[in-house]
């Protein structure tokens, strides 16, 4: 006899999520590669950094010495794990590149959410 929870998961009654909602990969599709011998491997589809124009700016912050993106995200977005949203909103492939002292970072709403002041 199958576990009732397992049955609900398999039936799609309870959605399964590979990543938490605050992960940059939460909306990234999972794909499967089939090897010549029939084995399969799951992997994440490539994730592209979105166009910064898709974000509504709600504020800006100037980078100070020893700043870290997780601390900036915690202060302005309420969650240090959302550092990737700051990187995306500022067009950074390498988030550490944003941390040059004196650099101005845009703090934004999530991608494609209207609003903001454009500050």
PDB file of N, CA and C in Angstrom:
ATOM      1  N   UNK A   1       0.843  -1.187   0.000  1.00  0.00           N
ATOM      2  CA  UNK A   1       0.000   0.000   0.000  1.00  0.00           C
ATOM      3  C   UNK A   1       0.886   1.247   0.000  1.00  0.00           C
ATOM      4  N   UNK A   2       0.552   2.177  -0.885  1.00  0.00           N
ATOM      5  CA  UNK A   2       1.332   3.415  -0.982  1.00  0.00           C
ATOM      6  C   UNK A   2       0.958   4.378   0.137  1.00  0.00           C
ATOM      7  N   UNK A   3       1.932   5.146   0.507  1.00  0.00           N
ATOM      8  CA  UNK A   3       1.727   6.226   1.454  1.00  0.00           C
ATOM      9  C   UNK A   3       0.737   7.217   0.842  1.00  0.00           C
ATOM     10  N   UNK A   4      -0.312   7.662   1.590  1.00  0.00           N
ATOM     11  CA  UNK A   4      -1.292   8.605   1.034  1.00  0.00           C
ATOM     12  C   UNK A   4      -0.657   9.913   0.545  1.00  0.00           C
ATOM     13  N   UNK A   5       0.355  10.399   1.249  1.00  0.00           N
ATOM     14  CA  UNK A   5       1.028  11.625   0.817  1.00  0.00           C
ATOM     15  C   UNK A   5       1.708  11.410  -0.525  1.00  0.00           C
ATOM     16  N   UNK A   6       2.376  10.270  -0.685  1.00  0.00           N
ATOM     17  CA  UNK A   6       3.032   9.956  -1.955  1.00  0.00           C
ATOM     18  C   UNK A   6       2.008   9.881  -3.082  1.00  0.00           C
ATOM     19  N   UNK A   7       0.844   9.296  -2.815  1.00  0.00           N
ATOM     20  CA  UNK A   7      -0.210   9.204  -3.827  1.00  0.00           C
ATOM     21  C   UNK A   7      -0.671  10.596  -4.258  1.00  0.00           C
ATOM     22  N   UNK A   8      -0.830  11.507  -3.283  1.00  0.00           N
ATOM     23  CA  UNK A   8      -1.265  12.867  -3.621  1.00  0.00           C
ATOM     24  C   UNK A   8      -0.198  13.598  -4.428  1.00  0.00           C
ATOM     25  N   UNK A   9       1.068  13.407  -4.074  1.00  0.00           N
ATOM     26  CA  UNK A   9       2.150  14.034  -4.836  1.00  0.00           C
ATOM     27  C   UNK A   9       2.163  13.527  -6.270  1.00  0.00           C
ATOM     28  N   UNK A  10       2.042  12.213  -6.447  1.00  0.00           N
ATOM     29  CA  UNK A  10       2.060  11.626  -7.783  1.00  0.00           C
ATOM     30  C   UNK A  10       0.858  12.047  -8.613  1.00  0.00           C
ATOM     31  N   UNK A  11      -0.277  12.280  -7.957  1.00  0.00           N
ATOM     32  CA  UNK A  11      -1.491  12.692  -8.669  1.00  0.00           C
ATOM     33  C   UNK A  11      -1.494  14.185  -8.975  1.00  0.00           C
ATOM     34  N   UNK A  12      -0.533  14.924  -8.439  1.00  0.00           N
ATOM     35  CA  UNK A  12      -0.475  16.365  -8.686  1.00  0.00           C
ATOM     36  C   UNK A  12      -1.387  17.168  -7.787  1.00  0.00           C
ATOM     37  N   UNK A  13      -1.991  16.523  -6.786  1.00  0.00           N
ATOM     38  CA  UNK A  13      -2.862  17.224  -5.843  1.00  0.00           C
ATOM     39  C   UNK A  13      -2.039  18.193  -5.005  1.00  0.00           C
ATOM     40  N   UNK A  14      -0.864  17.761  -4.625  1.00  0.00           N
ATOM     41  CA  UNK A  14       0.071  18.603  -3.882  1.00  0.00           C
ATOM     42  C   UNK A  14       1.229  18.910  -4.822  1.00  0.00           C
ATOM     43  N   UNK A  15       1.422  20.195  -5.148  1.00  0.00           N
ATOM     44  CA  UNK A  15       2.517  20.510  -6.072  1.00  0.00           C
ATOM     45  C   UNK A  15       3.871  20.243  -5.434  1.00  0.00           C
ATOM     46  N   UNK A  16       4.793  19.785  -6.244  1.00  0.00           N
ATOM     47  CA  UNK A  16       6.158  19.598  -5.771  1.00  0.00           C
ATOM     48  C   UNK A  16       6.995  20.754  -6.295  1.00  0.00           C
ATOM     49  N   UNK A  17       7.841  21.258  -5.463  1.00  0.00           N
ATOM     50  CA  UNK A  17       8.714  22.360  -5.866  1.00  0.00           C
ATOM     51  C   UNK A  17      10.148  21.960  -5.567  1.00  0.00           C
ATOM     52  N   UNK A  18      10.967  22.049  -6.581  1.00  0.00           N
ATOM     53  CA  UNK A  18      12.366  21.695  -6.402  1.00  0.00           C
ATOM     54  C   UNK A  18      13.115  22.770  -5.618  1.00  0.00           C
ATOM     55  N   UNK A  19      12.631  24.005  -5.703  1.00  0.00           N
ATOM     56  CA  UNK A  19      13.304  25.123  -5.057  1.00  0.00           C
ATOM     57  C   UNK A  19      12.285  25.970  -4.311  1.00  0.00           C
ATOM     58  N   UNK A  20      12.676  26.604  -3.222  1.00  0.00           N
ATOM     59  CA  UNK A  20      11.754  27.477  -2.502  1.00  0.00           C
ATOM     60  C   UNK A  20      11.376  28.694  -3.350  1.00  0.00           C
ATOM     61  N   UNK A  21      10.277  29.327  -2.991  1.00  0.00           N
ATOM     62  CA  UNK A  21       9.752  30.455  -3.766  1.00  0.00           C
ATOM     63  C   UNK A  21      10.740  31.613  -3.880  1.00  0.00           C
ATOM     64  N   UNK A  22      11.636  31.792  -2.911  1.00  0.00           N
ATOM     65  CA  UNK A  22      12.578  32.908  -2.973  1.00  0.00           C
ATOM     66  C   UNK A  22      13.867  32.565  -3.720  1.00  0.00           C
ATOM     67  N   UNK A  23      13.918  31.391  -4.320  1.00  0.00           N
ATOM     68  CA  UNK A  23      15.094  30.983  -5.088  1.00  0.00           C
ATOM     69  C   UNK A  23      15.040  31.536  -6.509  1.00  0.00           C
ATOM     70  N   UNK A  24      16.187  31.894  -7.041  1.00  0.00           N
ATOM     71  CA  UNK A  24      16.232  32.365  -8.427  1.00  0.00           C
ATOM     72  C   UNK A  24      15.845  31.261  -9.400  1.00  0.00           C
ATOM     73  N   UNK A  25      15.873  30.029  -8.957  1.00  0.00           N
ATOM     74  CA  UNK A  25      15.557  28.891  -9.825  1.00  0.00           C
ATOM     75  C   UNK A  25      14.124  28.393  -9.668  1.00  0.00           C
ATOM     76  N   UNK A  26      13.317  29.037  -8.832  1.00  0.00           N
ATOM     77  CA  UNK A  26      11.953  28.572  -8.563  1.00  0.00           C
ATOM     78  C   UNK A  26      11.120  28.435  -9.833  1.00  0.00           C
ATOM     79  N   UNK A  27      11.298  29.323 -10.786  1.00  0.00           N
ATOM     80  CA  UNK A  27      10.498  29.284 -12.020  1.00  0.00           C
ATOM     81  C   UNK A  27      11.262  28.674 -13.196  1.00  0.00           C
ATOM     82  N   UNK A  28      12.432  28.118 -12.925  1.00  0.00           N
ATOM     83  CA  UNK A  28      13.246  27.535 -13.991  1.00  0.00           C
ATOM     84  C   UNK A  28      12.805  26.100 -14.261  1.00  0.00           C
ATOM     85  N   UNK A  29      12.586  25.802 -15.521  1.00  0.00           N
ATOM     86  CA  UNK A  29      12.120  24.468 -15.907  1.00  0.00           C
ATOM     87  C   UNK A  29      13.194  23.412 -15.673  1.00  0.00           C
ATOM     88  N   UNK A  30      12.738  22.222 -15.341  1.00  0.00           N
ATOM     89  CA  UNK A  30      13.625  21.069 -15.235  1.00  0.00           C
ATOM     90  C   UNK A  30      13.518  20.284 -16.529  1.00  0.00           C
ATOM     91  N   UNK A  31      14.646  19.911 -17.075  1.00  0.00           N
ATOM     92  CA  UNK A  31      14.656  19.139 -18.315  1.00  0.00           C
ATOM     93  C   UNK A  31      15.368  17.812 -18.074  1.00  0.00           C
ATOM     94  N   UNK A  32      15.180  16.890 -18.987  1.00  0.00           N
ATOM     95  CA  UNK A  32      15.782  15.570 -18.855  1.00  0.00           C
ATOM     96  C   UNK A  32      16.621  15.259 -20.081  1.00  0.00           C
ATOM     97  N   UNK A  33      17.813  14.764 -19.836  1.00  0.00           N
ATOM     98  CA  UNK A  33      18.696  14.324 -20.915  1.00  0.00           C
ATOM     99  C   UNK A  33      18.739  12.799 -20.876  1.00  0.00           C
ATOM    100  N   UNK A  34      18.564  12.176 -22.037  1.00  0.00           N
ATOM    101  CA  UNK A  34      18.639  10.722 -22.123  1.00  0.00           C
ATOM    102  C   UNK A  34      19.950  10.329 -22.796  1.00  0.00           C
ATOM    103  N   UNK A  35      20.747   9.562 -22.084  1.00  0.00           N
ATOM    104  CA  UNK A  35      22.018   9.072 -22.609  1.00  0.00           C
ATOM    105  C   UNK A  35      21.765   7.952 -23.618  1.00  0.00           C
ATOM    106  N   UNK A  36      22.763   7.646 -24.424  1.00  0.00           N
ATOM    107  CA  UNK A  36      22.650   6.597 -25.443  1.00  0.00           C
ATOM    108  C   UNK A  36      22.277   5.244 -24.842  1.00  0.00           C
ATOM    109  N   UNK A  37      22.705   5.004 -23.608  1.00  0.00           N
ATOM    110  CA  UNK A  37      22.402   3.707 -22.978  1.00  0.00           C
ATOM    111  C   UNK A  37      21.041   3.676 -22.283  1.00  0.00           C
ATOM    112  N   UNK A  38      20.274   4.779 -22.414  1.00  0.00           N
ATOM    113  CA  UNK A  38      18.931   4.819 -21.838  1.00  0.00           C
ATOM    114  C   UNK A  38      18.833   5.464 -20.471  1.00  0.00           C
ATOM    115  N   UNK A  39      19.959   5.674 -19.809  1.00  0.00           N
ATOM    116  CA  UNK A  39      19.924   6.366 -18.515  1.00  0.00           C
ATOM    117  C   UNK A  39      19.481   7.801 -18.728  1.00  0.00           C
ATOM    118  N   UNK A  40      18.879   8.390 -17.710  1.00  0.00           N
ATOM    119  CA  UNK A  40      18.450   9.782 -17.810  1.00  0.00           C
ATOM    120  C   UNK A  40      19.075  10.600 -16.689  1.00  0.00           C
ATOM    121  N   UNK A  41      19.197  11.879 -16.952  1.00  0.00           N
ATOM    122  CA  UNK A  41      19.695  12.825 -15.957  1.00  0.00           C
ATOM    123  C   UNK A  41      18.845  14.081 -16.047  1.00  0.00           C
ATOM    124  N   UNK A  42      18.371  14.551 -14.908  1.00  0.00           N
ATOM    125  CA  UNK A  42      17.600  15.792 -14.868  1.00  0.00           C
ATOM    126  C   UNK A  42      18.551  16.963 -14.671  1.00  0.00           C
ATOM    127  N   UNK A  43      18.195  18.072 -15.271  1.00  0.00           N
ATOM    128  CA  UNK A  43      19.002  19.283 -15.115  1.00  0.00           C
ATOM    129  C   UNK A  43      18.101  20.498 -15.269  1.00  0.00           C
ATOM    130  N   UNK A  44      18.593  21.640 -14.838  1.00  0.00           N
ATOM    131  CA  UNK A  44      17.844  22.886 -14.962  1.00  0.00           C
ATOM    132  C   UNK A  44      18.111  23.516 -16.314  1.00  0.00           C
ATOM    133  N   UNK A  45      17.050  24.025 -16.914  1.00  0.00           N
ATOM    134  CA  UNK A  45      17.203  24.764 -18.163  1.00  0.00           C
ATOM    135  C   UNK A  45      18.049  26.006 -17.882  1.00  0.00           C
ATOM    136  N   UNK A  46      18.692  26.494 -18.907  1.00  0.00           N
ATOM    137  CA  UNK A  46      19.534  27.681 -18.740  1.00  0.00           C
ATOM    138  C   UNK A  46      18.672  28.864 -18.313  1.00  0.00           C
ATOM    139  N   UNK A  47      19.189  29.628 -17.367  1.00  0.00           N
ATOM    140  CA  UNK A  47      18.496  30.815 -16.879  1.00  0.00           C
ATOM    141  C   UNK A  47      19.266  32.035 -17.362  1.00  0.00           C
ATOM    142  N   UNK A  48      18.569  32.920 -18.065  1.00  0.00           N
ATOM    143  CA  UNK A  48      19.189  34.137 -18.571  1.00  0.00           C
ATOM    144  C   UNK A  48      18.887  35.288 -17.626  1.00  0.00           C
ATOM    145  N   UNK A  49      19.850  36.193 -17.481  1.00  0.00           N
ATOM    146  CA  UNK A  49      19.626  37.391 -16.682  1.00  0.00           C
ATOM    147  C   UNK A  49      18.622  38.255 -17.436  1.00  0.00           C
ATOM    148  N   UNK A  50      17.513  38.630 -16.786  1.00  0.00           N
ATOM    149  CA  UNK A  50      16.495  39.413 -17.480  1.00  0.00           C
ATOM    150  C   UNK A  50      16.951  40.845 -17.771  1.00  0.00           C
ATOM    151  N   UNK A  51      16.258  41.470 -18.700  1.00  0.00           N
ATOM    152  CA  UNK A  51      16.517  42.861 -19.064  1.00  0.00           C
ATOM    153  C   UNK A  51      16.148  43.756 -17.876  1.00  0.00           C
ATOM    154  N   UNK A  52      17.064  44.604 -17.399  1.00  0.00           N
ATOM    155  CA  UNK A  52      16.746  45.491 -16.278  1.00  0.00           C
ATOM    156  C   UNK A  52      15.523  46.382 -16.524  1.00  0.00           C
ATOM    157  N   UNK A  53      15.165  46.619 -17.779  1.00  0.00           N
ATOM    158  CA  UNK A  53      13.982  47.436 -18.085  1.00  0.00           C
ATOM    159  C   UNK A  53      12.683  46.760 -17.643  1.00  0.00           C
ATOM    160  N   UNK A  54      12.732  45.475 -17.332  1.00  0.00           N
ATOM    161  CA  UNK A  54      11.539  44.743 -16.896  1.00  0.00           C
ATOM    162  C   UNK A  54      11.230  44.952 -15.414  1.00  0.00           C
ATOM    163  N   UNK A  55      12.067  45.727 -14.727  1.00  0.00           N
ATOM    164  CA  UNK A  55      11.903  45.936 -13.295  1.00  0.00           C
ATOM    165  C   UNK A  55      11.442  47.360 -13.001  1.00  0.00           C
ATOM    166  N   UNK A  56      10.582  47.510 -11.991  1.00  0.00           N
ATOM    167  CA  UNK A  56      10.148  48.825 -11.520  1.00  0.00           C
ATOM    168  C   UNK A  56      11.006  49.210 -10.322  1.00  0.00           C
ATOM    169  N   UNK A  57      11.715  50.307 -10.465  1.00  0.00           N
ATOM    170  CA  UNK A  57      12.629  50.768  -9.413  1.00  0.00           C
ATOM    171  C   UNK A  57      11.826  51.373  -8.268  1.00  0.00           C
ATOM    172  N   UNK A  58      12.149  50.948  -7.049  1.00  0.00           N
ATOM    173  CA  UNK A  58      11.498  51.519  -5.863  1.00  0.00           C
ATOM    174  C   UNK A  58      12.492  52.284  -4.994  1.00  0.00           C
ATOM    175  N   UNK A  59      13.760  52.210  -5.345  1.00  0.00           N
ATOM    176  CA  UNK A  59      14.772  52.941  -4.596  1.00  0.00           C
ATOM    177  C   UNK A  59      16.158  52.640  -5.127  1.00  0.00           C
ATOM    178  N   UNK A  60      17.126  53.319  -4.544  1.00  0.00           N
ATOM    179  CA  UNK A  60      18.514  53.094  -4.920  1.00  0.00           C
ATOM    180  C   UNK A  60      19.361  53.090  -3.655  1.00  0.00           C
ATOM    181  N   UNK A  61      20.476  52.410  -3.740  1.00  0.00           N
ATOM    182  CA  UNK A  61      21.403  52.361  -2.615  1.00  0.00           C
ATOM    183  C   UNK A  61      22.816  52.491  -3.167  1.00  0.00           C
ATOM    184  N   UNK A  62      23.621  53.275  -2.472  1.00  0.00           N
ATOM    185  CA  UNK A  62      25.013  53.432  -2.885  1.00  0.00           C
ATOM    186  C   UNK A  62      25.864  52.431  -2.104  1.00  0.00           C
ATOM    187  N   UNK A  63      26.687  51.684  -2.817  1.00  0.00           N
ATOM    188  CA  UNK A  63      27.534  50.661  -2.210  1.00  0.00           C
ATOM    189  C   UNK A  63      28.623  51.325  -1.379  1.00  0.00           C
ATOM    190  N   UNK A  64      28.752  50.827  -0.151  1.00  0.00           N
ATOM    191  CA  UNK A  64      29.796  51.310   0.749  1.00  0.00           C
ATOM    192  C   UNK A  64      30.845  50.224   0.930  1.00  0.00           C
ATOM    193  N   UNK A  65      31.959  50.597   1.488  1.00  0.00           N
ATOM    194  CA  UNK A  65      33.029  49.634   1.742  1.00  0.00           C
ATOM    195  C   UNK A  65      32.491  48.472   2.578  1.00  0.00           C
ATOM    196  N   UNK A  66      32.864  47.262   2.207  1.00  0.00           N
ATOM    197  CA  UNK A  66      32.493  46.025   2.904  1.00  0.00           C
ATOM    198  C   UNK A  66      31.017  45.646   2.782  1.00  0.00           C
ATOM    199  N   UNK A  67      30.256  46.305   1.912  1.00  0.00           N
ATOM    200  CA  UNK A  67      28.868  45.896   1.683  1.00  0.00           C
ATOM    201  C   UNK A  67      28.836  44.509   1.055  1.00  0.00           C
ATOM    202  N   UNK A  68      27.758  43.793   1.328  1.00  0.00           N
ATOM    203  CA  UNK A  68      27.514  42.483   0.709  1.00  0.00           C
ATOM    204  C   UNK A  68      26.087  42.483   0.179  1.00  0.00           C
ATOM    205  N   UNK A  69      25.876  41.804  -0.941  1.00  0.00           N
ATOM    206  CA  UNK A  69      24.536  41.788  -1.535  1.00  0.00           C
ATOM    207  C   UNK A  69      23.509  41.129  -0.631  1.00  0.00           C
ATOM    208  N   UNK A  70      23.888  40.095   0.107  1.00  0.00           N
ATOM    209  CA  UNK A  70      22.908  39.467   0.992  1.00  0.00           C
ATOM    210  C   UNK A  70      22.464  40.427   2.093  1.00  0.00           C
ATOM    211  N   UNK A  71      23.373  41.253   2.591  1.00  0.00           N
ATOM    212  CA  UNK A  71      23.006  42.226   3.620  1.00  0.00           C
ATOM    213  C   UNK A  71      22.152  43.349   3.041  1.00  0.00           C
ATOM    214  N   UNK A  72      22.472  43.786   1.835  1.00  0.00           N
ATOM    215  CA  UNK A  72      21.657  44.808   1.165  1.00  0.00           C
ATOM    216  C   UNK A  72      20.258  44.252   0.913  1.00  0.00           C
ATOM    217  N   UNK A  73      20.173  43.005   0.447  1.00  0.00           N
ATOM    218  CA  UNK A  73      18.871  42.377   0.196  1.00  0.00           C
ATOM    219  C   UNK A  73      18.074  42.236   1.486  1.00  0.00           C
ATOM    220  N   UNK A  74      18.735  41.877   2.556  1.00  0.00           N
ATOM    221  CA  UNK A  74      18.052  41.752   3.839  1.00  0.00           C
ATOM    222  C   UNK A  74      17.483  43.092   4.290  1.00  0.00           C
ATOM    223  N   UNK A  75      18.265  44.147   4.127  1.00  0.00           N
ATOM    224  CA  UNK A  75      17.833  45.480   4.541  1.00  0.00           C
ATOM    225  C   UNK A  75      16.689  46.013   3.686  1.00  0.00           C
ATOM    226  N   UNK A  76      16.795  45.892   2.373  1.00  0.00           N
ATOM    227  CA  UNK A  76      15.837  46.530   1.468  1.00  0.00           C
ATOM    228  C   UNK A  76      14.723  45.609   0.970  1.00  0.00           C
ATOM    229  N   UNK A  77      14.963  44.301   0.969  1.00  0.00           N
ATOM    230  CA  UNK A  77      13.949  43.365   0.474  1.00  0.00           C
ATOM    231  C   UNK A  77      13.425  42.441   1.573  1.00  0.00           C
ATOM    232  N   UNK A  78      14.058  42.492   2.741  1.00  0.00           N
ATOM    233  CA  UNK A  78      13.593  41.697   3.868  1.00  0.00           C
ATOM    234  C   UNK A  78      14.003  40.235   3.851  1.00  0.00           C
ATOM    235  N   UNK A  79      14.877  39.850   2.922  1.00  0.00           N
ATOM    236  CA  UNK A  79      15.293  38.448   2.816  1.00  0.00           C
ATOM    237  C   UNK A  79      16.674  38.396   2.173  1.00  0.00           C
ATOM    238  N   UNK A  80      17.692  37.939   2.888  1.00  0.00           N
ATOM    239  CA  UNK A  80      19.041  37.914   2.311  1.00  0.00           C
ATOM    240  C   UNK A  80      19.168  36.997   1.097  1.00  0.00           C
ATOM    241  N   UNK A  81      18.315  35.987   1.012  1.00  0.00           N
ATOM    242  CA  UNK A  81      18.387  35.054  -0.119  1.00  0.00           C
ATOM    243  C   UNK A  81      17.973  35.737  -1.423  1.00  0.00           C
ATOM    244  N   UNK A  82      17.291  36.869  -1.335  1.00  0.00           N
ATOM    245  CA  UNK A  82      16.857  37.590  -2.537  1.00  0.00           C
ATOM    246  C   UNK A  82      17.949  38.469  -3.141  1.00  0.00           C
ATOM    247  N   UNK A  83      19.206  38.259  -2.736  1.00  0.00           N
ATOM    248  CA  UNK A  83      20.316  39.027  -3.321  1.00  0.00           C
ATOM    249  C   UNK A  83      20.296  38.931  -4.843  1.00  0.00           C
ATOM    250  N   UNK A  84      19.856  37.814  -5.378  1.00  0.00           N
ATOM    251  CA  UNK A  84      19.830  37.583  -6.822  1.00  0.00           C
ATOM    252  C   UNK A  84      18.876  38.545  -7.523  1.00  0.00           C
ATOM    253  N   UNK A  85      17.829  39.015  -6.832  1.00  0.00           N
ATOM    254  CA  UNK A  85      16.927  39.997  -7.453  1.00  0.00           C
ATOM    255  C   UNK A  85      17.650  41.321  -7.679  1.00  0.00           C
ATOM    256  N   UNK A  86      18.523  41.691  -6.765  1.00  0.00           N
ATOM    257  CA  UNK A  86      19.302  42.920  -6.945  1.00  0.00           C
ATOM    258  C   UNK A  86      20.259  42.736  -8.113  1.00  0.00           C
ATOM    259  N   UNK A  87      20.892  41.579  -8.195  1.00  0.00           N
ATOM    260  CA  UNK A  87      21.794  41.302  -9.320  1.00  0.00           C
ATOM    261  C   UNK A  87      21.032  41.351 -10.639  1.00  0.00           C
ATOM    262  N   UNK A  88      19.870  40.693 -10.710  1.00  0.00           N
ATOM    263  CA  UNK A  88      19.065  40.708 -11.936  1.00  0.00           C
ATOM    264  C   UNK A  88      18.652  42.123 -12.314  1.00  0.00           C
ATOM    265  N   UNK A  89      18.163  42.878 -11.352  1.00  0.00           N
ATOM    266  CA  UNK A  89      17.660  44.228 -11.626  1.00  0.00           C
ATOM    267  C   UNK A  89      18.757  45.168 -12.102  1.00  0.00           C
ATOM    268  N   UNK A  90      19.995  44.829 -11.792  1.00  0.00           N
ATOM    269  CA  UNK A  90      21.124  45.663 -12.198  1.00  0.00           C
ATOM    270  C   UNK A  90      21.935  45.030 -13.323  1.00  0.00           C
ATOM    271  N   UNK A  91      21.372  43.990 -13.943  1.00  0.00           N
ATOM    272  CA  UNK A  91      21.973  43.375 -15.128  1.00  0.00           C
ATOM    273  C   UNK A  91      23.280  42.650 -14.886  1.00  0.00           C
ATOM    274  N   UNK A  92      23.486  42.151 -13.672  1.00  0.00           N
ATOM    275  CA  UNK A  92      24.763  41.516 -13.347  1.00  0.00           C
ATOM    276  C   UNK A  92      24.734  40.009 -13.553  1.00  0.00           C
ATOM    277  N   UNK A  93      25.676  39.520 -14.338  1.00  0.00           N
ATOM    278  CA  UNK A  93      25.869  38.079 -14.470  1.00  0.00           C
ATOM    279  C   UNK A  93      26.672  37.586 -13.265  1.00  0.00           C
ATOM    280  N   UNK A  94      27.610  38.395 -12.824  1.00  0.00           N
ATOM    281  CA  UNK A  94      28.422  38.087 -11.641  1.00  0.00           C
ATOM    282  C   UNK A  94      28.050  39.089 -10.547  1.00  0.00           C
ATOM    283  N   UNK A  95      27.230  38.682  -9.580  1.00  0.00           N
ATOM    284  CA  UNK A  95      26.757  39.614  -8.552  1.00  0.00           C
ATOM    285  C   UNK A  95      27.862  40.385  -7.840  1.00  0.00           C
ATOM    286  N   UNK A  96      29.013  39.772  -7.626  1.00  0.00           N
ATOM    287  CA  UNK A  96      30.105  40.457  -6.925  1.00  0.00           C
ATOM    288  C   UNK A  96      30.576  41.698  -7.675  1.00  0.00           C
ATOM    289  N   UNK A  97      30.360  41.739  -8.999  1.00  0.00           N
ATOM    290  CA  UNK A  97      30.768  42.902  -9.793  1.00  0.00           C
ATOM    291  C   UNK A  97      30.015  44.167  -9.388  1.00  0.00           C
ATOM    292  N   UNK A  98      28.885  44.018  -8.717  1.00  0.00           N
ATOM    293  CA  UNK A  98      28.083  45.178  -8.318  1.00  0.00           C
ATOM    294  C   UNK A  98      28.630  45.875  -7.079  1.00  0.00           C
ATOM    295  N   UNK A  99      29.549  45.245  -6.379  1.00  0.00           N
ATOM    296  CA  UNK A  99      29.952  45.729  -5.062  1.00  0.00           C
ATOM    297  C   UNK A  99      31.134  46.686  -5.058  1.00  0.00           C
ATOM    298  N   UNK A 100      31.365  47.366  -6.157  1.00  0.00           N
ATOM    299  CA  UNK A 100      32.401  48.393  -6.195  1.00  0.00           C
ATOM    300  C   UNK A 100      31.936  49.573  -5.346  1.00  0.00           C
ATOM    301  N   UNK A 101      32.769  49.983  -4.423  1.00  0.00           N
ATOM    302  CA  UNK A 101      32.411  51.098  -3.544  1.00  0.00           C
ATOM    303  C   UNK A 101      32.016  52.324  -4.374  1.00  0.00           C
ATOM    304  N   UNK A 102      30.886  52.937  -4.030  1.00  0.00           N
ATOM    305  CA  UNK A 102      30.379  54.107  -4.742  1.00  0.00           C
ATOM    306  C   UNK A 102      29.384  53.769  -5.839  1.00  0.00           C
ATOM    307  N   UNK A 103      29.315  52.518  -6.244  1.00  0.00           N
ATOM    308  CA  UNK A 103      28.359  52.078  -7.261  1.00  0.00           C
ATOM    309  C   UNK A 103      26.932  52.271  -6.731  1.00  0.00           C
ATOM    310  N   UNK A 104      26.016  52.711  -7.588  1.00  0.00           N
ATOM    311  CA  UNK A 104      24.620  52.869  -7.200  1.00  0.00           C
ATOM    312  C   UNK A 104      23.814  51.697  -7.733  1.00  0.00           C
ATOM    313  N   UNK A 105      23.100  51.018  -6.825  1.00  0.00           N
ATOM    314  CA  UNK A 105      22.286  49.861  -7.186  1.00  0.00           C
ATOM    315  C   UNK A 105      20.811  50.224  -7.156  1.00  0.00           C
ATOM    316  N   UNK A 106      20.082  49.736  -8.125  1.00  0.00           N
ATOM    317  CA  UNK A 106      18.632  49.897  -8.119  1.00  0.00           C
ATOM    318  C   UNK A 106      18.016  48.799  -7.265  1.00  0.00           C
ATOM    319  N   UNK A 107      17.082  49.194  -6.430  1.00  0.00           N
ATOM    320  CA  UNK A 107      16.272  48.253  -5.656  1.00  0.00           C
ATOM    321  C   UNK A 107      14.910  48.264  -6.341  1.00  0.00           C
ATOM    322  N   UNK A 108      14.414  47.084  -6.679  1.00  0.00           N
ATOM    323  CA  UNK A 108      13.223  47.018  -7.525  1.00  0.00           C
ATOM    324  C   UNK A 108      12.162  46.079  -6.966  1.00  0.00           C
ATOM    325  N   UNK A 109      10.990  46.203  -7.561  1.00  0.00           N
ATOM    326  CA  UNK A 109       9.945  45.206  -7.356  1.00  0.00           C
ATOM    327  C   UNK A 109      10.349  43.965  -8.136  1.00  0.00           C
ATOM    328  N   UNK A 110       9.706  42.823  -7.888  1.00  0.00           N
ATOM    329  CA  UNK A 110      10.030  41.638  -8.694  1.00  0.00           C
ATOM    330  C   UNK A 110       9.812  41.901 -10.184  1.00  0.00           C
ATOM    331  N   UNK A 111      10.470  41.137 -11.012  1.00  0.00           N
ATOM    332  CA  UNK A 111      10.403  41.293 -12.469  1.00  0.00           C
ATOM    333  C   UNK A 111       8.968  41.361 -12.954  1.00  0.00           C
ATOM    334  N   UNK A 112       8.694  42.333 -13.815  1.00  0.00           N
ATOM    335  CA  UNK A 112       7.413  42.547 -14.490  1.00  0.00           C
ATOM    336  C   UNK A 112       6.275  42.961 -13.568  1.00  0.00           C
ATOM    337  N   UNK A 113       6.570  43.306 -12.309  1.00  0.00           N
ATOM    338  CA  UNK A 113       5.534  43.828 -11.416  1.00  0.00           C
ATOM    339  C   UNK A 113       5.522  45.339 -11.590  1.00  0.00           C
ATOM    340  N   UNK A 114       4.377  45.902 -12.025  1.00  0.00           N
ATOM    341  CA  UNK A 114       4.323  47.350 -12.230  1.00  0.00           C
ATOM    342  C   UNK A 114       4.303  48.099 -10.903  1.00  0.00           C
ATOM    343  N   UNK A 115       4.667  49.355 -10.979  1.00  0.00           N
ATOM    344  CA  UNK A 115       4.673  50.200  -9.791  1.00  0.00           C
ATOM    345  C   UNK A 115       5.989  50.932  -9.717  1.00  0.00           C
ATOM    346  N   UNK A 116       6.409  51.226  -8.525  1.00  0.00           N
ATOM    347  CA  UNK A 116       7.694  51.884  -8.356  1.00  0.00           C
ATOM    348  C   UNK A 116       7.658  53.324  -8.814  1.00  0.00           C
ATOM    349  N   UNK A 117       8.667  54.031  -8.434  1.00  0.00           N
ATOM    350  CA  UNK A 117       8.743  55.453  -8.733  1.00  0.00           C
ATOM    351  C   UNK A 117       9.748  55.760  -9.812  1.00  0.00           C
ATOM    352  N   UNK A 118      10.570  54.783 -10.142  1.00  0.00           N
ATOM    353  CA  UNK A 118      11.637  55.022 -11.107  1.00  0.00           C
ATOM    354  C   UNK A 118      12.788  55.777 -10.493  1.00  0.00           C
ATOM    355  N   UNK A 119      12.810  55.847  -9.155  1.00  0.00           N
ATOM    356  CA  UNK A 119      13.846  56.603  -8.442  1.00  0.00           C
ATOM    357  C   UNK A 119      15.227  56.103  -8.744  1.00  0.00           C
TER     358      UNK A 119
END
